Amino acid sequence: MAALHFPIFFRSFSSHKFSVKLFLIPMWPFLFLLMNLSWVLHTTIVGTFYNLRGRLHQTWLVPRYGFQYFLPFAKEGINKVIEEAILEAERIGVKVISLAALNK
């Protein structure tokens, strides 16, 4: 359900703290499929972007859920995705990088 608080899905949810809404329970199978698909794809996504004073600002996301960071067999894959994102950012000339894991 926390994935629905990301602005791509429902913008109104991202402005409120997390709580389970009963009318969203039928979406759980879709969210479970989305979680597994994002785990298999191993790619970063651009979460938000905007131009401010002629400069492009972007937030890149590693699509992982909190419990996945604590799985011993997932550690190498997550580190690989983060490393690839940093190398991609370096390649396109990013000036500032900030990393935040489990920023909840």
PDB file of N, CA and C in Angstrom:
ATOM      1  N   MET A   1       0.809  -1.199   0.000  1.00  0.00           N
ATOM      2  CA  MET A   1       0.000   0.000   0.000  1.00  0.00           C
ATOM      3  C   MET A   1       0.852   1.262   0.000  1.00  0.00           C
ATOM      4  N   ALA A   2       2.056   1.191   0.531  1.00  0.00           N
ATOM      5  CA  ALA A   2       2.902   2.374   0.567  1.00  0.00           C
ATOM      6  C   ALA A   2       3.237   2.857  -0.839  1.00  0.00           C
ATOM      7  N   ALA A   3       3.260   1.961  -1.813  1.00  0.00           N
ATOM      8  CA  ALA A   3       3.551   2.359  -3.189  1.00  0.00           C
ATOM      9  C   ALA A   3       2.501   3.329  -3.715  1.00  0.00           C
ATOM     10  N   LEU A   4       1.297   3.251  -3.230  1.00  0.00           N
ATOM     11  CA  LEU A   4       0.243   4.149  -3.689  1.00  0.00           C
ATOM     12  C   LEU A   4       0.450   5.578  -3.196  1.00  0.00           C
ATOM     13  N   HIS A   5       1.311   5.778  -2.211  1.00  0.00           N
ATOM     14  CA  HIS A   5       1.585   7.116  -1.721  1.00  0.00           C
ATOM     15  C   HIS A   5       2.581   7.860  -2.601  1.00  0.00           C
ATOM     16  N   PHE A   6       3.137   7.187  -3.583  1.00  0.00           N
ATOM     17  CA  PHE A   6       4.030   7.829  -4.526  1.00  0.00           C
ATOM     18  C   PHE A   6       3.184   8.650  -5.495  1.00  0.00           C
ATOM     19  N   PRO A   7       3.574   9.879  -5.830  1.00  0.00           N
ATOM     20  CA  PRO A   7       2.718  10.764  -6.619  1.00  0.00           C
ATOM     21  C   PRO A   7       2.273  10.231  -7.975  1.00  0.00           C
ATOM     22  N   ILE A   8       2.962   9.238  -8.552  1.00  0.00           N
ATOM     23  CA  ILE A   8       2.547   8.704  -9.848  1.00  0.00           C
ATOM     24  C   ILE A   8       1.154   8.085  -9.759  1.00  0.00           C
ATOM     25  N   PHE A   9       0.833   7.425  -8.664  1.00  0.00           N
ATOM     26  CA  PHE A   9      -0.428   6.710  -8.555  1.00  0.00           C
ATOM     27  C   PHE A   9      -1.571   7.631  -8.140  1.00  0.00           C
ATOM     28  N   PHE A  10      -1.544   8.119  -6.942  1.00  0.00           N
ATOM     29  CA  PHE A  10      -2.594   9.006  -6.447  1.00  0.00           C
ATOM     30  C   PHE A  10      -1.934  10.210  -5.788  1.00  0.00           C
ATOM     31  N   ARG A  11      -2.011  11.365  -6.430  1.00  0.00           N
ATOM     32  CA  ARG A  11      -1.346  12.558  -5.895  1.00  0.00           C
ATOM     33  C   ARG A  11      -1.905  12.966  -4.524  1.00  0.00           C
ATOM     34  N   SER A  12      -3.164  12.753  -4.285  1.00  0.00           N
ATOM     35  CA  SER A  12      -3.739  13.160  -3.007  1.00  0.00           C
ATOM     36  C   SER A  12      -3.187  12.314  -1.855  1.00  0.00           C
ATOM     37  N   PHE A  13      -2.803  11.051  -2.115  1.00  0.00           N
ATOM     38  CA  PHE A  13      -2.258  10.201  -1.057  1.00  0.00           C
ATOM     39  C   PHE A  13      -0.873  10.657  -0.620  1.00  0.00           C
ATOM     40  N   SER A  14      -0.103  11.213  -1.545  1.00  0.00           N
ATOM     41  CA  SER A  14       1.258  11.594  -1.201  1.00  0.00           C
ATOM     42  C   SER A  14       1.299  12.793  -0.256  1.00  0.00           C
ATOM     43  N   SER A  15       0.188  13.492  -0.102  1.00  0.00           N
ATOM     44  CA  SER A  15       0.159  14.628   0.808  1.00  0.00           C
ATOM     45  C   SER A  15      -0.324  14.258   2.213  1.00  0.00           C
ATOM     46  N   HIS A  16      -0.635  12.984   2.435  1.00  0.00           N
ATOM     47  CA  HIS A  16      -1.091  12.519   3.744  1.00  0.00           C
ATOM     48  C   HIS A  16      -0.179  11.419   4.261  1.00  0.00           C
ATOM     49  N   LYS A  17      -0.145  11.256   5.576  1.00  0.00           N
ATOM     50  CA  LYS A  17       0.655  10.168   6.129  1.00  0.00           C
ATOM     51  C   LYS A  17       0.031   8.825   5.771  1.00  0.00           C
ATOM     52  N   PHE A  18       0.852   7.787   5.837  1.00  0.00           N
ATOM     53  CA  PHE A  18       0.402   6.458   5.438  1.00  0.00           C
ATOM     54  C   PHE A  18      -0.687   5.936   6.362  1.00  0.00           C
ATOM     55  N   SER A  19      -1.729   5.394   5.767  1.00  0.00           N
ATOM     56  CA  SER A  19      -2.760   4.670   6.498  1.00  0.00           C
ATOM     57  C   SER A  19      -3.446   3.733   5.499  1.00  0.00           C
ATOM     58  N   VAL A  20      -3.920   2.615   5.984  1.00  0.00           N
ATOM     59  CA  VAL A  20      -4.579   1.639   5.122  1.00  0.00           C
ATOM     60  C   VAL A  20      -6.011   2.108   4.871  1.00  0.00           C
ATOM     61  N   LYS A  21      -6.355   2.202   3.614  1.00  0.00           N
ATOM     62  CA  LYS A  21      -7.709   2.567   3.225  1.00  0.00           C
ATOM     63  C   LYS A  21      -8.413   1.300   2.738  1.00  0.00           C
ATOM     64  N   LEU A  22      -9.560   1.023   3.285  1.00  0.00           N
ATOM     65  CA  LEU A  22     -10.262  -0.218   2.965  1.00  0.00           C
ATOM     66  C   LEU A  22     -10.631  -0.342   1.487  1.00  0.00           C
ATOM     67  N   PHE A  23     -10.928   0.769   0.832  1.00  0.00           N
ATOM     68  CA  PHE A  23     -11.320   0.676  -0.570  1.00  0.00           C
ATOM     69  C   PHE A  23     -10.143   0.341  -1.489  1.00  0.00           C
ATOM     70  N   LEU A  24      -8.909   0.356  -0.952  1.00  0.00           N
ATOM     71  CA  LEU A  24      -7.740   0.004  -1.757  1.00  0.00           C
ATOM     72  C   LEU A  24      -7.338  -1.462  -1.620  1.00  0.00           C
ATOM     73  N   ILE A  25      -7.966  -2.181  -0.728  1.00  0.00           N
ATOM     74  CA  ILE A  25      -7.617  -3.596  -0.530  1.00  0.00           C
ATOM     75  C   ILE A  25      -7.746  -4.415  -1.817  1.00  0.00           C
ATOM     76  N   PRO A  26      -8.729  -4.163  -2.674  1.00  0.00           N
ATOM     77  CA  PRO A  26      -8.773  -4.924  -3.931  1.00  0.00           C
ATOM     78  C   PRO A  26      -7.565  -4.681  -4.843  1.00  0.00           C
ATOM     79  N   MET A  27      -6.791  -3.632  -4.595  1.00  0.00           N
ATOM     80  CA  MET A  27      -5.609  -3.356  -5.415  1.00  0.00           C
ATOM     81  C   MET A  27      -4.384  -4.147  -4.973  1.00  0.00           C
ATOM     82  N   TRP A  28      -4.455  -4.853  -3.860  1.00  0.00           N
ATOM     83  CA  TRP A  28      -3.288  -5.567  -3.342  1.00  0.00           C
ATOM     84  C   TRP A  28      -2.698  -6.566  -4.336  1.00  0.00           C
ATOM     85  N   PRO A  29      -3.505  -7.362  -5.051  1.00  0.00           N
ATOM     86  CA  PRO A  29      -2.888  -8.278  -6.033  1.00  0.00           C
ATOM     87  C   PRO A  29      -2.086  -7.524  -7.102  1.00  0.00           C
ATOM     88  N   PHE A  30      -2.610  -6.397  -7.566  1.00  0.00           N
ATOM     89  CA  PHE A  30      -1.878  -5.585  -8.536  1.00  0.00           C
ATOM     90  C   PHE A  30      -0.573  -5.062  -7.943  1.00  0.00           C
ATOM     91  N   LEU A  31      -0.617  -4.604  -6.701  1.00  0.00           N
ATOM     92  CA  LEU A  31       0.586  -4.079  -6.052  1.00  0.00           C
ATOM     93  C   LEU A  31       1.610  -5.178  -5.789  1.00  0.00           C
ATOM     94  N   PHE A  32       1.147  -6.374  -5.472  1.00  0.00           N
ATOM     95  CA  PHE A  32       2.053  -7.498  -5.290  1.00  0.00           C
ATOM     96  C   PHE A  32       2.754  -7.832  -6.604  1.00  0.00           C
ATOM     97  N   LEU A  33       1.997  -7.811  -7.695  1.00  0.00           N
ATOM     98  CA  LEU A  33       2.572  -8.046  -9.017  1.00  0.00           C
ATOM     99  C   LEU A  33       3.567  -6.941  -9.367  1.00  0.00           C
ATOM    100  N   LEU A  34       3.223  -5.702  -9.075  1.00  0.00           N
ATOM    101  CA  LEU A  34       4.108  -4.568  -9.324  1.00  0.00           C
ATOM    102  C   LEU A  34       5.402  -4.688  -8.521  1.00  0.00           C
ATOM    103  N   MET A  35       5.298  -5.111  -7.259  1.00  0.00           N
ATOM    104  CA  MET A  35       6.486  -5.283  -6.425  1.00  0.00           C
ATOM    105  C   MET A  35       7.408  -6.342  -7.016  1.00  0.00           C
ATOM    106  N   ASN A  36       6.848  -7.476  -7.414  1.00  0.00           N
ATOM    107  CA  ASN A  36       7.669  -8.544  -7.984  1.00  0.00           C
ATOM    108  C   ASN A  36       8.268  -8.138  -9.330  1.00  0.00           C
ATOM    109  N   LEU A  37       7.511  -7.425 -10.133  1.00  0.00           N
ATOM    110  CA  LEU A  37       8.010  -6.972 -11.422  1.00  0.00           C
ATOM    111  C   LEU A  37       9.171  -5.986 -11.243  1.00  0.00           C
ATOM    112  N   SER A  38       9.036  -5.067 -10.305  1.00  0.00           N
ATOM    113  CA  SER A  38      10.119  -4.104 -10.064  1.00  0.00           C
ATOM    114  C   SER A  38      11.360  -4.788  -9.495  1.00  0.00           C
ATOM    115  N   TRP A  39      11.170  -5.871  -8.781  1.00  0.00           N
ATOM    116  CA  TRP A  39      12.293  -6.618  -8.224  1.00  0.00           C
ATOM    117  C   TRP A  39      13.064  -7.323  -9.342  1.00  0.00           C
ATOM    118  N   VAL A  40      12.352  -7.826 -10.320  1.00  0.00           N
ATOM    119  CA  VAL A  40      12.970  -8.571 -11.421  1.00  0.00           C
ATOM    120  C   VAL A  40      13.651  -7.638 -12.420  1.00  0.00           C
ATOM    121  N   LEU A  41      13.089  -6.468 -12.673  1.00  0.00           N
ATOM    122  CA  LEU A  41      13.608  -5.586 -13.720  1.00  0.00           C
ATOM    123  C   LEU A  41      14.948  -4.933 -13.380  1.00  0.00           C
ATOM    124  N   HIS A  42      15.232  -4.697 -12.122  1.00  0.00           N
ATOM    125  CA  HIS A  42      16.527  -4.132 -11.690  1.00  0.00           C
ATOM    126  C   HIS A  42      16.879  -2.833 -12.401  1.00  0.00           C
ATOM    127  N   THR A  43      15.978  -1.897 -12.493  1.00  0.00           N
ATOM    128  CA  THR A  43      16.291  -0.613 -13.098  1.00  0.00           C
ATOM    129  C   THR A  43      15.870   0.513 -12.166  1.00  0.00           C
ATOM    130  N   THR A  44      16.528   1.651 -12.311  1.00  0.00           N
ATOM    131  CA  THR A  44      16.097   2.833 -11.572  1.00  0.00           C
ATOM    132  C   THR A  44      15.063   3.571 -12.405  1.00  0.00           C
ATOM    133  N   ILE A  45      14.228   4.347 -11.748  1.00  0.00           N
ATOM    134  CA  ILE A  45      13.221   5.135 -12.448  1.00  0.00           C
ATOM    135  C   ILE A  45      13.311   6.573 -11.965  1.00  0.00           C
ATOM    136  N   VAL A  46      12.904   7.496 -12.805  1.00  0.00           N
ATOM    137  CA  VAL A  46      12.861   8.901 -12.420  1.00  0.00           C
ATOM    138  C   VAL A  46      11.525   9.117 -11.718  1.00  0.00           C
ATOM    139  N   GLY A  47      11.591   9.450 -10.428  1.00  0.00           N
ATOM    140  CA  GLY A  47      10.373   9.643  -9.645  1.00  0.00           C
ATOM    141  C   GLY A  47       9.749  10.996  -9.890  1.00  0.00           C
ATOM    142  N   THR A  48      10.534  12.043  -9.777  1.00  0.00           N
ATOM    143  CA  THR A  48      10.050  13.395 -10.024  1.00  0.00           C
ATOM    144  C   THR A  48      11.137  14.168 -10.753  1.00  0.00           C
ATOM    145  N   PHE A  49      10.724  15.158 -11.506  1.00  0.00           N
ATOM    146  CA  PHE A  49      11.682  16.056 -12.145  1.00  0.00           C
ATOM    147  C   PHE A  49      11.020  17.402 -12.366  1.00  0.00           C
ATOM    148  N   TYR A  50      11.812  18.447 -12.347  1.00  0.00           N
ATOM    149  CA  TYR A  50      11.314  19.789 -12.606  1.00  0.00           C
ATOM    150  C   TYR A  50      12.493  20.676 -12.997  1.00  0.00           C
ATOM    151  N   ASN A  51      12.193  21.759 -13.688  1.00  0.00           N
ATOM    152  CA  ASN A  51      13.196  22.749 -14.058  1.00  0.00           C
ATOM    153  C   ASN A  51      13.067  23.936 -13.117  1.00  0.00           C
ATOM    154  N   LEU A  52      14.180  24.356 -12.565  1.00  0.00           N
ATOM    155  CA  LEU A  52      14.200  25.499 -11.671  1.00  0.00           C
ATOM    156  C   LEU A  52      15.369  26.384 -12.076  1.00  0.00           C
ATOM    157  N   ARG A  53      15.051  27.598 -12.505  1.00  0.00           N
ATOM    158  CA  ARG A  53      16.065  28.559 -12.956  1.00  0.00           C
ATOM    159  C   ARG A  53      16.980  27.967 -14.025  1.00  0.00           C
ATOM    160  N   GLY A  54      16.372  27.251 -14.955  1.00  0.00           N
ATOM    161  CA  GLY A  54      17.125  26.712 -16.071  1.00  0.00           C
ATOM    162  C   GLY A  54      17.902  25.441 -15.785  1.00  0.00           C
ATOM    163  N   ARG A  55      17.749  24.891 -14.604  1.00  0.00           N
ATOM    164  CA  ARG A  55      18.449  23.648 -14.256  1.00  0.00           C
ATOM    165  C   ARG A  55      17.440  22.531 -14.031  1.00  0.00           C
ATOM    166  N   LEU A  56      17.801  21.349 -14.491  1.00  0.00           N
ATOM    167  CA  LEU A  56      16.942  20.187 -14.338  1.00  0.00           C
ATOM    168  C   LEU A  56      17.228  19.500 -13.008  1.00  0.00           C
ATOM    169  N   HIS A  57      16.213  19.291 -12.221  1.00  0.00           N
ATOM    170  CA  HIS A  57      16.319  18.591 -10.939  1.00  0.00           C
ATOM    171  C   HIS A  57      15.535  17.284 -11.064  1.00  0.00           C
ATOM    172  N   GLN A  58      16.158  16.169 -10.667  1.00  0.00           N
ATOM    173  CA  GLN A  58      15.506  14.877 -10.772  1.00  0.00           C
ATOM    174  C   GLN A  58      15.688  14.085  -9.481  1.00  0.00           C
ATOM    175  N   THR A  59      14.706  13.258  -9.180  1.00  0.00           N
ATOM    176  CA  THR A  59      14.805  12.280  -8.107  1.00  0.00           C
ATOM    177  C   THR A  59      14.741  10.905  -8.744  1.00  0.00           C
ATOM    178  N   TRP A  60      15.824  10.149  -8.623  1.00  0.00           N
ATOM    179  CA  TRP A  60      15.866   8.791  -9.165  1.00  0.00           C
ATOM    180  C   TRP A  60      15.537   7.823  -8.051  1.00  0.00           C
ATOM    181  N   LEU A  61      14.778   6.798  -8.371  1.00  0.00           N
ATOM    182  CA  LEU A  61      14.337   5.832  -7.373  1.00  0.00           C
ATOM    183  C   LEU A  61      14.839   4.436  -7.697  1.00  0.00           C
ATOM    184  N   VAL A  62      15.247   3.740  -6.669  1.00  0.00           N
ATOM    185  CA  VAL A  62      15.539   2.312  -6.781  1.00  0.00           C
ATOM    186  C   VAL A  62      14.272   1.620  -6.298  1.00  0.00           C
ATOM    187  N   PRO A  63      13.532   0.979  -7.202  1.00  0.00           N
ATOM    188  CA  PRO A  63      12.228   0.435  -6.823  1.00  0.00           C
ATOM    189  C   PRO A  63      12.348  -0.806  -5.936  1.00  0.00           C
ATOM    190  N   ARG A  64      12.580  -0.581  -4.671  1.00  0.00           N
ATOM    191  CA  ARG A  64      12.667  -1.653  -3.690  1.00  0.00           C
ATOM    192  C   ARG A  64      11.810  -1.266  -2.487  1.00  0.00           C
ATOM    193  N   TYR A  65      11.259  -2.263  -1.851  1.00  0.00           N
ATOM    194  CA  TYR A  65      10.454  -2.045  -0.654  1.00  0.00           C
ATOM    195  C   TYR A  65      11.326  -2.258   0.575  1.00  0.00           C
ATOM    196  N   GLY A  66      10.902  -1.733   1.698  1.00  0.00           N
ATOM    197  CA  GLY A  66      11.704  -1.763   2.913  1.00  0.00           C
ATOM    198  C   GLY A  66      12.198  -3.137   3.318  1.00  0.00           C
ATOM    199  N   PHE A  67      11.354  -4.145   3.238  1.00  0.00           N
ATOM    200  CA  PHE A  67      11.762  -5.479   3.687  1.00  0.00           C
ATOM    201  C   PHE A  67      12.838  -6.071   2.787  1.00  0.00           C
ATOM    202  N   GLN A  68      12.911  -5.631   1.531  1.00  0.00           N
ATOM    203  CA  GLN A  68      13.890  -6.185   0.599  1.00  0.00           C
ATOM    204  C   GLN A  68      15.324  -5.800   0.970  1.00  0.00           C
ATOM    205  N   TYR A  69      15.493  -4.683   1.665  1.00  0.00           N
ATOM    206  CA  TYR A  69      16.827  -4.270   2.089  1.00  0.00           C
ATOM    207  C   TYR A  69      17.400  -5.214   3.147  1.00  0.00           C
ATOM    208  N   PHE A  70      16.552  -5.955   3.817  1.00  0.00           N
ATOM    209  CA  PHE A  70      17.002  -6.839   4.893  1.00  0.00           C
ATOM    210  C   PHE A  70      17.119  -8.299   4.472  1.00  0.00           C
ATOM    211  N   LEU A  71      16.846  -8.601   3.221  1.00  0.00           N
ATOM    212  CA  LEU A  71      17.002  -9.958   2.717  1.00  0.00           C
ATOM    213  C   LEU A  71      18.459 -10.170   2.314  1.00  0.00           C
ATOM    214  N   PRO A  72      19.135 -11.165   2.901  1.00  0.00           N
ATOM    215  CA  PRO A  72      20.566 -11.349   2.614  1.00  0.00           C
ATOM    216  C   PRO A  72      20.864 -11.592   1.136  1.00  0.00           C
ATOM    217  N   PHE A  73      20.015 -12.318   0.447  1.00  0.00           N
ATOM    218  CA  PHE A  73      20.280 -12.630  -0.958  1.00  0.00           C
ATOM    219  C   PHE A  73      19.967 -11.464  -1.894  1.00  0.00           C
ATOM    220  N   ALA A  74      19.290 -10.422  -1.416  1.00  0.00           N
ATOM    221  CA  ALA A  74      18.944  -9.274  -2.252  1.00  0.00           C
ATOM    222  C   ALA A  74      19.974  -8.152  -2.157  1.00  0.00           C
ATOM    223  N   LYS A  75      20.875  -8.246  -1.207  1.00  0.00           N
ATOM    224  CA  LYS A  75      21.844  -7.174  -0.957  1.00  0.00           C
ATOM    225  C   LYS A  75      22.703  -6.872  -2.188  1.00  0.00           C
ATOM    226  N   GLU A  76      23.225  -7.919  -2.815  1.00  0.00           N
ATOM    227  CA  GLU A  76      24.102  -7.723  -3.970  1.00  0.00           C
ATOM    228  C   GLU A  76      23.348  -7.066  -5.129  1.00  0.00           C
ATOM    229  N   GLY A  77      22.120  -7.487  -5.365  1.00  0.00           N
ATOM    230  CA  GLY A  77      21.321  -6.918  -6.447  1.00  0.00           C
ATOM    231  C   GLY A  77      20.999  -5.449  -6.227  1.00  0.00           C
ATOM    232  N   ILE A  78      20.666  -5.098  -4.997  1.00  0.00           N
ATOM    233  CA  ILE A  78      20.359  -3.702  -4.681  1.00  0.00           C
ATOM    234  C   ILE A  78      21.600  -2.845  -4.850  1.00  0.00           C
ATOM    235  N   ASN A  79      22.743  -3.334  -4.360  1.00  0.00           N
ATOM    236  CA  ASN A  79      23.987  -2.585  -4.512  1.00  0.00           C
ATOM    237  C   ASN A  79      24.349  -2.401  -5.983  1.00  0.00           C
ATOM    238  N   LYS A  80      24.080  -3.402  -6.796  1.00  0.00           N
ATOM    239  CA  LYS A  80      24.363  -3.328  -8.229  1.00  0.00           C
ATOM    240  C   LYS A  80      23.505  -2.253  -8.897  1.00  0.00           C
ATOM    241  N   VAL A  81      22.223  -2.205  -8.545  1.00  0.00           N
ATOM    242  CA  VAL A  81      21.316  -1.207  -9.118  1.00  0.00           C
ATOM    243  C   VAL A  81      21.750   0.198  -8.716  1.00  0.00           C
ATOM    244  N   ILE A  82      22.132   0.379  -7.450  1.00  0.00           N
ATOM    245  CA  ILE A  82      22.580   1.691  -6.979  1.00  0.00           C
ATOM    246  C   ILE A  82      23.869   2.091  -7.686  1.00  0.00           C
ATOM    247  N   GLU A  83      24.794   1.155  -7.833  1.00  0.00           N
ATOM    248  CA  GLU A  83      26.048   1.449  -8.517  1.00  0.00           C
ATOM    249  C   GLU A  83      25.806   1.835  -9.975  1.00  0.00           C
ATOM    250  N   GLU A  84      24.933   1.119 -10.660  1.00  0.00           N
ATOM    251  CA  GLU A  84      24.605   1.450 -12.049  1.00  0.00           C
ATOM    252  C   GLU A  84      23.974   2.834 -12.157  1.00  0.00           C
ATOM    253  N   ALA A  85      23.126   3.199 -11.196  1.00  0.00           N
ATOM    254  CA  ALA A  85      22.500   4.521 -11.207  1.00  0.00           C
ATOM    255  C   ALA A  85      23.542   5.617 -11.015  1.00  0.00           C
ATOM    256  N   ILE A  86      24.493   5.389 -10.116  1.00  0.00           N
ATOM    257  CA  ILE A  86      25.557   6.378  -9.888  1.00  0.00           C
ATOM    258  C   ILE A  86      26.420   6.527 -11.131  1.00  0.00           C
ATOM    259  N   LEU A  87      26.772   5.417 -11.766  1.00  0.00           N
ATOM    260  CA  LEU A  87      27.586   5.480 -12.982  1.00  0.00           C
ATOM    261  C   LEU A  87      26.837   6.171 -14.125  1.00  0.00           C
ATOM    262  N   GLU A  88      25.540   5.910 -14.240  1.00  0.00           N
ATOM    263  CA  GLU A  88      24.726   6.582 -15.254  1.00  0.00           C
ATOM    264  C   GLU A  88      24.671   8.082 -14.994  1.00  0.00           C
ATOM    265  N   ALA A  89      24.487   8.476 -13.733  1.00  0.00           N
ATOM    266  CA  ALA A  89      24.451   9.897 -13.379  1.00  0.00           C
ATOM    267  C   ALA A  89      25.794  10.559 -13.677  1.00  0.00           C
ATOM    268  N   GLU A  90      26.868   9.867 -13.391  1.00  0.00           N
ATOM    269  CA  GLU A  90      28.204  10.390 -13.680  1.00  0.00           C
ATOM    270  C   GLU A  90      28.404  10.560 -15.182  1.00  0.00           C
ATOM    271  N   ARG A  91      27.906   9.607 -15.944  1.00  0.00           N
ATOM    272  CA  ARG A  91      28.059   9.646 -17.394  1.00  0.00           C
ATOM    273  C   ARG A  91      27.335  10.835 -18.020  1.00  0.00           C
ATOM    274  N   ILE A  92      26.162  11.195 -17.482  1.00  0.00           N
ATOM    275  CA  ILE A  92      25.407  12.306 -18.063  1.00  0.00           C
ATOM    276  C   ILE A  92      25.781  13.652 -17.441  1.00  0.00           C
ATOM    277  N   GLY A  93      26.718  13.661 -16.506  1.00  0.00           N
ATOM    278  CA  GLY A  93      27.238  14.914 -15.974  1.00  0.00           C
ATOM    279  C   GLY A  93      26.491  15.498 -14.791  1.00  0.00           C
ATOM    280  N   VAL A  94      25.992  14.665 -13.923  1.00  0.00           N
ATOM    281  CA  VAL A  94      25.281  15.143 -12.728  1.00  0.00           C
ATOM    282  C   VAL A  94      26.260  15.853 -11.795  1.00  0.00           C
ATOM    283  N   LYS A  95      25.823  16.963 -11.226  1.00  0.00           N
ATOM    284  CA  LYS A  95      26.683  17.752 -10.347  1.00  0.00           C
ATOM    285  C   LYS A  95      26.608  17.317  -8.882  1.00  0.00           C
ATOM    286  N   VAL A  96      25.425  16.922  -8.403  1.00  0.00           N
ATOM    287  CA  VAL A  96      25.237  16.568  -6.996  1.00  0.00           C
ATOM    288  C   VAL A  96      24.499  15.239  -6.920  1.00  0.00           C
ATOM    289  N   ILE A  97      24.986  14.352  -6.042  1.00  0.00           N
ATOM    290  CA  ILE A  97      24.295  13.084  -5.792  1.00  0.00           C
ATOM    291  C   ILE A  97      24.121  12.955  -4.290  1.00  0.00           C
ATOM    292  N   SER A  98      22.937  12.550  -3.884  1.00  0.00           N
ATOM    293  CA  SER A  98      22.661  12.299  -2.485  1.00  0.00           C
ATOM    294  C   SER A  98      21.964  10.952  -2.390  1.00  0.00           C
ATOM    295  N   LEU A  99      22.450  10.101  -1.517  1.00  0.00           N
ATOM    296  CA  LEU A  99      21.863   8.761  -1.356  1.00  0.00           C
ATOM    297  C   LEU A  99      21.091   8.700  -0.040  1.00  0.00           C
ATOM    298  N   ALA A 100      19.899   8.122  -0.102  1.00  0.00           N
ATOM    299  CA  ALA A 100      19.093   7.926   1.102  1.00  0.00           C
ATOM    300  C   ALA A 100      18.406   6.573   0.994  1.00  0.00           C
ATOM    301  N   ALA A 101      18.804   5.653   1.807  1.00  0.00           N
ATOM    302  CA  ALA A 101      18.185   4.320   1.823  1.00  0.00           C
ATOM    303  C   ALA A 101      17.199   4.244   2.984  1.00  0.00           C
ATOM    304  N   LEU A 102      16.064   3.664   2.715  1.00  0.00           N
ATOM    305  CA  LEU A 102      15.009   3.534   3.731  1.00  0.00           C
ATOM    306  C   LEU A 102      14.668   4.872   4.348  1.00  0.00           C
ATOM    307  N   ASN A 103      14.570   5.879   3.509  1.00  0.00           N
ATOM    308  CA  ASN A 103      14.261   7.217   3.976  1.00  0.00           C
ATOM    309  C   ASN A 103      12.764   7.319   4.238  1.00  0.00           C
ATOM    310  N   LYS A 104      12.347   6.868   5.425  1.00  0.00           N
ATOM    311  CA  LYS A 104      10.927   6.820   5.751  1.00  0.00           C
ATOM    312  C   LYS A 104      10.628   7.717   6.911  1.00  0.00           C
TER     313      LYS A 104
END
